[in-house]
C-alpha atoms as a PDB file:
ATOM      1  CA  MET A   1     104.424  75.177  77.953  1.00  0.00           C
ATOM      2  CA  GLY A   2     104.602  78.712  76.643  1.00  0.00           C
ATOM      3  CA  GLN A   3     102.867  82.043  76.438  1.00  0.00           C
ATOM      4  CA  VAL A   4      99.744  83.362  74.755  1.00  0.00           C
ATOM      5  CA  PHE A   5      99.333  87.067  74.026  1.00  0.00           C
ATOM      6  CA  PHE A   6      95.824  88.476  73.617  1.00  0.00           C
ATOM      7  CA  PHE A   7      95.506  91.876  71.920  1.00  0.00           C
ATOM      8  CA  GLU A   8      92.695  93.853  73.530  1.00  0.00           C
ATOM      9  CA  THR A   9      91.111  96.606  71.415  1.00  0.00           C
ATOM     10  CA  GLU A  10      88.633  98.079  73.906  1.00  0.00           C
ATOM     11  CA  PHE A  11      91.111  99.967  76.113  1.00  0.00           C
ATOM     12  CA  HIS A  12      93.164 102.986  75.108  1.00  0.00           C
ATOM     13  CA  LEU A  13      96.428 102.673  76.953  1.00  0.00           C
ATOM     14  CA  GLN A  14     100.140 102.951  76.442  1.00  0.00           C
ATOM     15  CA  CYS A  15     100.884 100.334  73.770  1.00  0.00           C
ATOM     16  CA  GLU A  16      99.900 102.183  70.584  1.00  0.00           C
ATOM     17  CA  GLY A  17      96.590 103.053  72.202  1.00  0.00           C
ATOM     18  CA  LYS A  18      95.904  99.460  73.261  1.00  0.00           C
ATOM     19  CA  ILE A  19      96.777  96.886  75.914  1.00  0.00           C
ATOM     20  CA  HIS A  20      98.405  93.468  75.813  1.00  0.00           C
ATOM     21  CA  ASP A  21      97.091  90.635  77.966  1.00  0.00           C
ATOM     22  CA  ALA A  22      99.948  88.142  78.379  1.00  0.00           C
ATOM     23  CA  THR A  23      98.990  84.706  79.696  1.00  0.00           C
ATOM     24  CA  ASN A  24     101.449  82.010  80.773  1.00  0.00           C
ATOM     25  CA  ILE A  25     100.203  78.464  80.219  1.00  0.00           C
ATOM     26  CA  GLU A  26     101.770  75.255  81.493  1.00  0.00           C
ATOM     27  CA  TYR A  27     100.751  71.681  80.727  1.00  0.00           C
ATOM     28  CA  THR A  28     102.924  68.778  81.846  1.00  0.00           C
ATOM     29  CA  LYS A  29     101.695  65.916  79.634  1.00  0.00           C
ATOM     30  CA  ASP A  30     103.449  65.126  76.361  1.00  0.00           C
ATOM     31  CA  THR A  31     101.078  66.682  73.844  1.00  0.00           C
ATOM     32  CA  SER A  32     101.250  69.906  71.869  1.00  0.00           C
ATOM     33  CA  GLU A  33      97.462  70.480  71.679  1.00  0.00           C
ATOM     34  CA  PRO A  34      95.809  69.516  74.986  1.00  0.00           C
ATOM     35  CA  ASP A  35      92.015  69.789  74.902  1.00  0.00           C
ATOM     36  CA  VAL A  36      91.912  71.517  78.301  1.00  0.00           C
ATOM     37  CA  LEU A  37      93.809  74.521  76.891  1.00  0.00           C
ATOM     38  CA  GLU A  38      91.680  74.882  73.771  1.00  0.00           C
ATOM     39  CA  PRO A  39      89.318  77.572  75.208  1.00  0.00           C
ATOM     40  CA  PHE A  40      92.334  79.744  76.093  1.00  0.00           C
ATOM     41  CA  LEU A  41      94.112  79.283  72.771  1.00  0.00           C
ATOM     42  CA  GLU A  42      90.989  80.161  70.784  1.00  0.00           C
ATOM     43  CA  VAL A  43      90.355  83.537  72.461  1.00  0.00           C
ATOM     44  CA  GLN A  44      90.285  86.322  69.874  1.00  0.00           C
ATOM     45  CA  PRO A  45      91.769  88.644  68.822  1.00  0.00           C
ATOM     46  CA  LEU A  46      95.041  86.740  69.194  1.00  0.00           C
ATOM     47  CA  TYR A  47      98.263  88.696  68.794  1.00  0.00           C
ATOM     48  CA  LYS A  48     100.836  85.947  69.252  1.00  0.00           C
ATOM     49  CA  ASN A  49     100.870  82.308  70.328  1.00  0.00           C
ATOM     50  CA  MET A  50     104.164  80.883  71.618  1.00  0.00           C
ATOM     51  CA  VAL A  51     102.809  77.670  73.118  1.00  0.00           C
ATOM     52  CA  LYS A  52     105.038  74.712  72.269  1.00  0.00           C
ATOM     53  CA  PRO A  53     106.450  71.554  73.875  1.00  0.00           C
ATOM     54  CA  THR A  54     109.665  72.605  75.600  1.00  0.00           C
ATOM     55  CA  THR A  55     111.744  72.298  78.752  1.00  0.00           C
ATOM     56  CA  LEU A  56     112.142  74.689  81.664  1.00  0.00           C
ATOM     57  CA  ASN A  57     115.749  75.306  80.674  1.00  0.00           C
ATOM     58  CA  ALA A  58     114.822  76.183  77.081  1.00  0.00           C
ATOM     59  CA  LEU A  59     111.968  78.387  78.250  1.00  0.00           C
ATOM     60  CA  ALA A  60     114.273  80.283  80.628  1.00  0.00           C
ATOM     61  CA  THR A  61     116.713  80.825  77.748  1.00  0.00           C
ATOM     62  CA  ASP A  62     113.911  82.167  75.529  1.00  0.00           C
ATOM     63  CA  ILE A  63     112.808  84.610  78.221  1.00  0.00           C
ATOM     64  CA  GLN A  64     116.398  85.775  78.759  1.00  0.00           C
ATOM     65  CA  LYS A  65     116.678  86.638  75.067  1.00  0.00           C
ATOM     66  CA  LEU A  66     113.789  89.089  75.502  1.00  0.00           C
ATOM     67  CA  GLN A  67     115.624  91.064  78.191  1.00  0.00           C
ATOM     68  CA  ALA A  68     117.176  94.304  77.034  1.00  0.00           C
ATOM     69  CA  ALA A  69     120.727  94.767  78.290  1.00  0.00           C
ATOM     70  CA  PRO A  70     122.277  96.644  79.830  1.00  0.00           C
ATOM     71  CA  THR A  71     119.352  98.192  81.679  1.00  0.00           C
ATOM     72  CA  ARG A  72     118.731  99.662  85.094  1.00  0.00           C
ATOM     73  CA  GLN A  73     115.436  98.516  86.573  1.00  0.00           C
ATOM     74  CA  THR A  74     113.235  99.112  89.545  1.00  0.00           C
ATOM     75  CA  PHE A  75     110.033  97.394  90.607  1.00  0.00           C
ATOM     76  CA  CYS A  76     107.357  98.361  93.085  1.00  0.00           C
ATOM     77  CA  THR A  77     103.917  97.022  93.820  1.00  0.00           C
ATOM     78  CA  THR A  78     100.787  97.440  95.857  1.00  0.00           C
ATOM     79  CA  SER A  79      97.549  95.519  96.299  1.00  0.00           C
ATOM     80  CA  PHE A  80      93.865  96.372  96.333  1.00  0.00           C
ATOM     81  CA  LYS A  81      90.536  94.589  96.204  1.00  0.00           C
ATOM     82  CA  THR A  82      89.053  93.975  92.787  1.00  0.00           C
ATOM     83  CA  LEU A  83      86.734  96.607  91.309  1.00  0.00           C
ATOM     84  CA  LEU A  84      86.607  97.351  87.569  1.00  0.00           C
ATOM     85  CA  GLN A  85      86.324 101.125  87.937  1.00  0.00           C
ATOM     86  CA  HIS A  86      89.319 101.213  90.258  1.00  0.00           C
ATOM     87  CA  LEU A  87      91.392  99.320  87.682  1.00  0.00           C
ATOM     88  CA  HIS A  88      90.620 102.134  85.239  1.00  0.00           C
ATOM     89  CA  ASP A  89      91.374 104.763  87.892  1.00  0.00           C
ATOM     90  CA  VAL A  90      94.793 103.266  88.613  1.00  0.00           C
ATOM     91  CA  VAL A  91      95.612 103.272  84.889  1.00  0.00           C
ATOM     92  CA  GLU A  92      94.779 106.986  84.821  1.00  0.00           C
ATOM     93  CA  ILE A  93      97.006 107.590  87.848  1.00  0.00           C
ATOM     94  CA  PHE A  94      99.771 105.709  86.062  1.00  0.00           C
ATOM     95  CA  GLN A  95      99.419 107.770  82.892  1.00  0.00           C
ATOM     96  CA  ASN A  96      99.406 111.044  84.844  1.00  0.00           C
ATOM     97  CA  HIS A  97     102.632 110.186  86.668  1.00  0.00           C
ATOM     98  CA  VAL A  98     104.411 109.020  83.532  1.00  0.00           C
ATOM     99  CA  ALA A  99     103.447 112.247  81.765  1.00  0.00           C
ATOM    100  CA  THR A 100     105.121 114.397  84.422  1.00  0.00           C
ATOM    101  CA  VAL A 101     108.548 112.736  84.276  1.00  0.00           C
ATOM    102  CA  GLU A 102     111.417 114.139  82.236  1.00  0.00           C
ATOM    103  CA  TYR A 103     113.661 111.308  81.113  1.00  0.00           C
ATOM    104  CA  SER A 104     115.912 110.100  78.317  1.00  0.00           C
ATOM    105  CA  GLN A 105     114.680 108.350  75.191  1.00  0.00           C
ATOM    106  CA  ASP A 106     115.142 104.772  76.416  1.00  0.00           C
ATOM    107  CA  PHE A 107     113.254 105.266  79.692  1.00  0.00           C
ATOM    108  CA  LYS A 108     110.419 102.701  79.775  1.00  0.00           C
ATOM    109  CA  VAL A 109     107.582 102.324  82.277  1.00  0.00           C
ATOM    110  CA  THR A 110     105.057  99.488  82.412  1.00  0.00           C
ATOM    111  CA  LEU A 111     101.983  98.902  84.569  1.00  0.00           C
ATOM    112  CA  THR A 112     100.952  95.260  84.984  1.00  0.00           C
ATOM    113  CA  TYR A 113      97.917  93.826  86.747  1.00  0.00           C
ATOM    114  CA  GLN A 114      98.210  90.365  88.264  1.00  0.00           C
ATOM    115  CA  ARG A 115      95.352  88.601  90.014  1.00  0.00           C
ATOM    116  CA  LEU A 116      96.025  87.084  93.422  1.00  0.00           C
ATOM    117  CA  HIS A 117      93.528  84.251  93.464  1.00  0.00           C
ATOM    118  CA  GLN A 118      91.822  83.180  96.680  1.00  0.00           C
ATOM    119  CA  ALA A 119      92.732  79.552  95.930  1.00  0.00           C
ATOM    120  CA  ILE A 120      96.433  80.278  96.530  1.00  0.00           C
ATOM    121  CA  PRO A 121      96.289  80.936 100.298  1.00  0.00           C
ATOM    122  CA  GLN A 122      93.527  78.351 100.732  1.00  0.00           C
ATOM    123  CA  HIS A 123      95.709  75.659  99.192  1.00  0.00           C
ATOM    124  CA  SER A 124      98.814  76.753 101.109  1.00  0.00           C
ATOM    125  CA  ILE A 125      96.994  76.572 104.433  1.00  0.00           C
ATOM    126  CA  GLU A 126      95.755  73.084 103.586  1.00  0.00           C
ATOM    127  CA  SER A 127      99.376  72.175 102.852  1.00  0.00           C
ATOM    128  CA  GLY A 128     100.721  73.418 106.168  1.00  0.00           C
ATOM    129  CA  GLY A 129     100.433  77.191 106.262  1.00  0.00           C
ATOM    130  CA  ASN A 130     101.355  80.401 104.483  1.00  0.00           C
ATOM    131  CA  ALA A 131     104.522  82.097 105.734  1.00  0.00           C
ATOM    132  CA  MET A 132     103.619  85.396 104.051  1.00  0.00           C
ATOM    133  CA  GLY A 133     100.523  85.979 106.140  1.00  0.00           C
ATOM    134  CA  LEU A 134      97.769  85.623 103.540  1.00  0.00           C
ATOM    135  CA  PRO A 135      94.569  84.425 105.250  1.00  0.00           C
ATOM    136  CA  ALA A 136      92.352  81.643 103.943  1.00  0.00           C
ATOM    137  CA  ASP A 137      89.485  84.135 103.540  1.00  0.00           C
ATOM    138  CA  LEU A 138      91.572  86.453 101.363  1.00  0.00           C
ATOM    139  CA  PRO A 139      89.335  88.758  99.285  1.00  0.00           C
ATOM    140  CA  PRO A 140      89.838  88.891  95.506  1.00  0.00           C
ATOM    141  CA  LEU A 141      92.991  90.999  95.106  1.00  0.00           C
ATOM    142  CA  VAL A 142      94.858  92.639  92.260  1.00  0.00           C
ATOM    143  CA  LEU A 143      98.608  93.232  92.366  1.00  0.00           C
ATOM    144  CA  ALA A 144      99.487  96.469  90.566  1.00  0.00           C
ATOM    145  CA  ILE A 145     103.115  96.180  89.469  1.00  0.00           C
ATOM    146  CA  LEU A 146     105.104  99.158  88.223  1.00  0.00           C
ATOM    147  CA  THR A 147     108.254  98.346  86.256  1.00  0.00           C
ATOM    148  CA  CYS A 148     110.705 101.073  85.219  1.00  0.00           C
ATOM    149  CA  SER A 149     113.825 100.589  83.132  1.00  0.00           C
ATOM    150  CA  CYS A 150     116.484 102.895  81.724  1.00  0.00           C
ATOM    151  CA  SER A 151     120.137 102.813  80.687  1.00  0.00           C
ATOM    152  CA  GLN A 152     121.260 106.173  82.044  1.00  0.00           C
ATOM    153  CA  PRO A 153     122.222 106.589  85.738  1.00  0.00           C
ATOM    154  CA  SER A 154     120.968 110.155  85.439  1.00  0.00           C
ATOM    155  CA  ASP A 155     117.414 108.788  85.175  1.00  0.00           C
ATOM    156  CA  ASP A 156     117.598 106.891  88.486  1.00  0.00           C
ATOM    157  CA  GLU A 157     116.259 109.719  90.608  1.00  0.00           C
ATOM    158  CA  ALA A 158     113.325 110.470  88.303  1.00  0.00           C
ATOM    159  CA  MET A 159     112.547 106.746  88.119  1.00  0.00           C
ATOM    160  CA  ASN A 160     112.494 106.294  91.893  1.00  0.00           C
ATOM    161  CA  ILE A 161     110.574 109.503  92.646  1.00  0.00           C
ATOM    162  CA  MET A 162     107.885 108.606  90.101  1.00  0.00           C
ATOM    163  CA  ALA A 163     107.583 105.045  91.427  1.00  0.00           C
ATOM    164  CA  GLN A 164     107.129 106.178  95.042  1.00  0.00           C
ATOM    165  CA  ALA A 165     104.602 108.856  94.091  1.00  0.00           C
ATOM    166  CA  PHE A 166     102.602 106.379  92.012  1.00  0.00           C
ATOM    167  CA  ILE A 167     102.370 103.804  94.828  1.00  0.00           C
ATOM    168  CA  LYS A 168     101.413 106.482  97.364  1.00  0.00           C
ATOM    169  CA  GLU A 169      98.581 107.834  95.189  1.00  0.00           C
ATOM    170  CA  VAL A 170      97.243 104.363  94.340  1.00  0.00           C
ATOM    171  CA  ASP A 171      97.141 103.418  98.027  1.00  0.00           C
ATOM    172  CA  THR A 172      95.466 106.716  98.923  1.00  0.00           C
ATOM    173  CA  SER A 173      92.842 106.300  96.196  1.00  0.00           C
ATOM    174  CA  SER A 174      92.078 102.750  97.351  1.00  0.00           C
ATOM    175  CA  VAL A 175      91.146 103.755 100.908  1.00  0.00           C
ATOM    176  CA  PRO A 176      87.835 105.695 100.530  1.00  0.00           C
ATOM    177  CA  ASN A 177      85.875 102.830  98.913  1.00  0.00           C
ATOM    178  CA  GLY A 178      87.408 100.151 101.136  1.00  0.00           C
ATOM    179  CA  LEU A 179      89.634  98.657  98.430  1.00  0.00           C
ATOM    180  CA  TYR A 180      93.016  99.139 100.120  1.00  0.00           C
ATOM    181  CA  TYR A 181      94.691  95.917 101.261  1.00  0.00           C
ATOM    182  CA  PRO A 182      98.012  96.102 103.154  1.00  0.00           C
ATOM    183  CA  TYR A 183      99.867  93.376 101.286  1.00  0.00           C
ATOM    184  CA  ILE A 184     103.102  93.943  99.363  1.00  0.00           C
ATOM    185  CA  TYR A 185     104.317  91.007  97.292  1.00  0.00           C
ATOM    186  CA  PRO A 186     108.056  90.823  98.139  1.00  0.00           C
ATOM    187  CA  LYS A 187     109.128  89.624  94.690  1.00  0.00           C
ATOM    188  CA  TYR A 188     107.892  92.854  93.087  1.00  0.00           C
ATOM    189  CA  ALA A 189     108.554  95.237  95.991  1.00  0.00           C
ATOM    190  CA  GLY A 190     110.696  98.324  95.517  1.00  0.00           C
ATOM    191  CA  SER A 191     113.753  99.086  97.627  1.00  0.00           C
ATOM    192  CA  PHE A 192     111.777 101.838  99.386  1.00  0.00           C
ATOM    193  CA  GLN A 193     109.013  99.417 100.405  1.00  0.00           C
ATOM    194  CA  LYS A 194     108.884  97.202 103.510  1.00  0.00           C
ATOM    195  CA  PRO A 195     106.848  94.113 102.573  1.00  0.00           C
ATOM    196  CA  LEU A 196     107.707  92.126 105.706  1.00  0.00           C
ATOM    197  CA  MET A 197     106.720  94.984 108.000  1.00  0.00           C
ATOM    198  CA  ASN A 198     103.134  94.727 106.721  1.00  0.00           C
ATOM    199  CA  LEU A 199     102.805  91.128 107.877  1.00  0.00           C
ATOM    200  CA  PRO A 200     100.938  90.281 111.088  1.00  0.00           C
ATOM    201  CA  GLN A 201     103.175  90.005 114.154  1.00  0.00           C
ATOM    202  CA  ASN A 202     102.701  86.238 114.406  1.00  0.00           C
ATOM    203  CA  GLN A 203     103.856  85.815 110.818  1.00  0.00           C
ATOM    204  CA  GLN A 204     106.921  87.989 111.439  1.00  0.00           C
ATOM    205  CA  GLN A 205     107.741  85.781 114.430  1.00  0.00           C
ATOM    206  CA  THR A 206     107.341  82.658 112.282  1.00  0.00           C
ATOM    207  CA  LEU A 207     109.732  84.011 109.656  1.00  0.00           C
ATOM    208  CA  ARG A 208     112.284  84.954 112.325  1.00  0.00           C
ATOM    209  CA  ALA A 209     112.070  81.436 113.760  1.00  0.00           C
ATOM    210  CA  ILE A 210     112.580  79.903 110.294  1.00  0.00           C
ATOM    211  CA  SER A 211     115.542  82.201 109.688  1.00  0.00           C
ATOM    212  CA  LEU A 212     117.187  81.198 112.976  1.00  0.00           C
ATOM    213  CA  LYS A 213     116.529  77.500 112.374  1.00  0.00           C
ATOM    214  CA  TYR A 214     118.045  77.288 108.902  1.00  0.00           C
ATOM    215  CA  ASP A 215     120.553  80.132 109.198  1.00  0.00           C
ATOM    216  CA  PRO A 216     121.647  80.079 112.861  1.00  0.00           C
ATOM    217  CA  SER A 217     124.672  82.291 112.223  1.00  0.00           C
ATOM    218  CA  GLN A 218     122.365  84.794 110.430  1.00  0.00           C
ATOM    219  CA  PHE A 219     124.797  84.995 107.510  1.00  0.00           C
ATOM    220  CA  PHE A 220     122.069  85.850 105.003  1.00  0.00           C
ATOM    221  CA  GLN A 221     120.617  88.496 107.330  1.00  0.00           C
ATOM    222  CA  LYS A 222     123.907  90.241 108.115  1.00  0.00           C
ATOM    223  CA  ARG A 223     126.372  89.531 105.310  1.00  0.00           C
ATOM    224  CA  VAL A 224     124.305  89.311 102.119  1.00  0.00           C
ATOM    225  CA  LEU A 225     123.530  92.624 100.453  1.00  0.00           C
ATOM    226  CA  GLY A 226     120.067  93.513  99.215  1.00  0.00           C
ATOM    227  CA  ALA A 227     116.756  91.726  99.704  1.00  0.00           C
ATOM    228  CA  PHE A 228     114.427  92.228 102.665  1.00  0.00           C
ATOM    229  CA  LYS A 229     115.697  91.213 106.083  1.00  0.00           C
ATOM    230  CA  ILE A 230     113.228  89.860 108.639  1.00  0.00           C
ATOM    231  CA  THR A 231     115.646  90.727 111.466  1.00  0.00           C
ATOM    232  CA  ALA A 232     115.125  94.402 110.650  1.00  0.00           C
ATOM    233  CA  TYR A 233     111.695  94.203 112.300  1.00  0.00           C
ATOM    234  CA  GLY A 234     111.704  93.586 116.023  1.00  0.00           C
END
């Protein structure tokens, strides 16, 4: 288990004029050099290879060590159908919004692309269904994830305003060529977003039924702060 970092030299982005492609790899058999992973580990140019036999607990500890603390963070995300030119366009939108923000020295903003593979909803439906409303015929999607972090409370407003403006412009730019897809991945959604509201009505009803079945007193809906509450819709 571990991570492989590929250093791409063809794009001119935020990281010293370049981009990092970080790939998580997992292999459950007891070997440090599985043949099936060889094509991935040999991709060049290679910036860093952290693949090693380890445990989930040790891996979680390693990841925690990479987290800067104390930091204030916000996430937001949107989805669109895959098209290479649009990936470039969204990067340009990202750069334009970052350039307009006045913030303190430790303010950091990252744009990450994550593929949402068609096999995921297909497999979930075969296994009994997908509670988040992704259809079996899902088109190839990209999740665009904006991550902002800072240490100063005074940067909160600038961070949130920039995040909302970025998502709005990306969604608007995705509409004309038919790339917009109304799916918000809850794990990466911002506090201003409503990922459950975008689900089909039948999926919202399913989630409400699950909530009532396993939490009949609705403790998690009414007493637990934060998160997205299905009872807020209908």
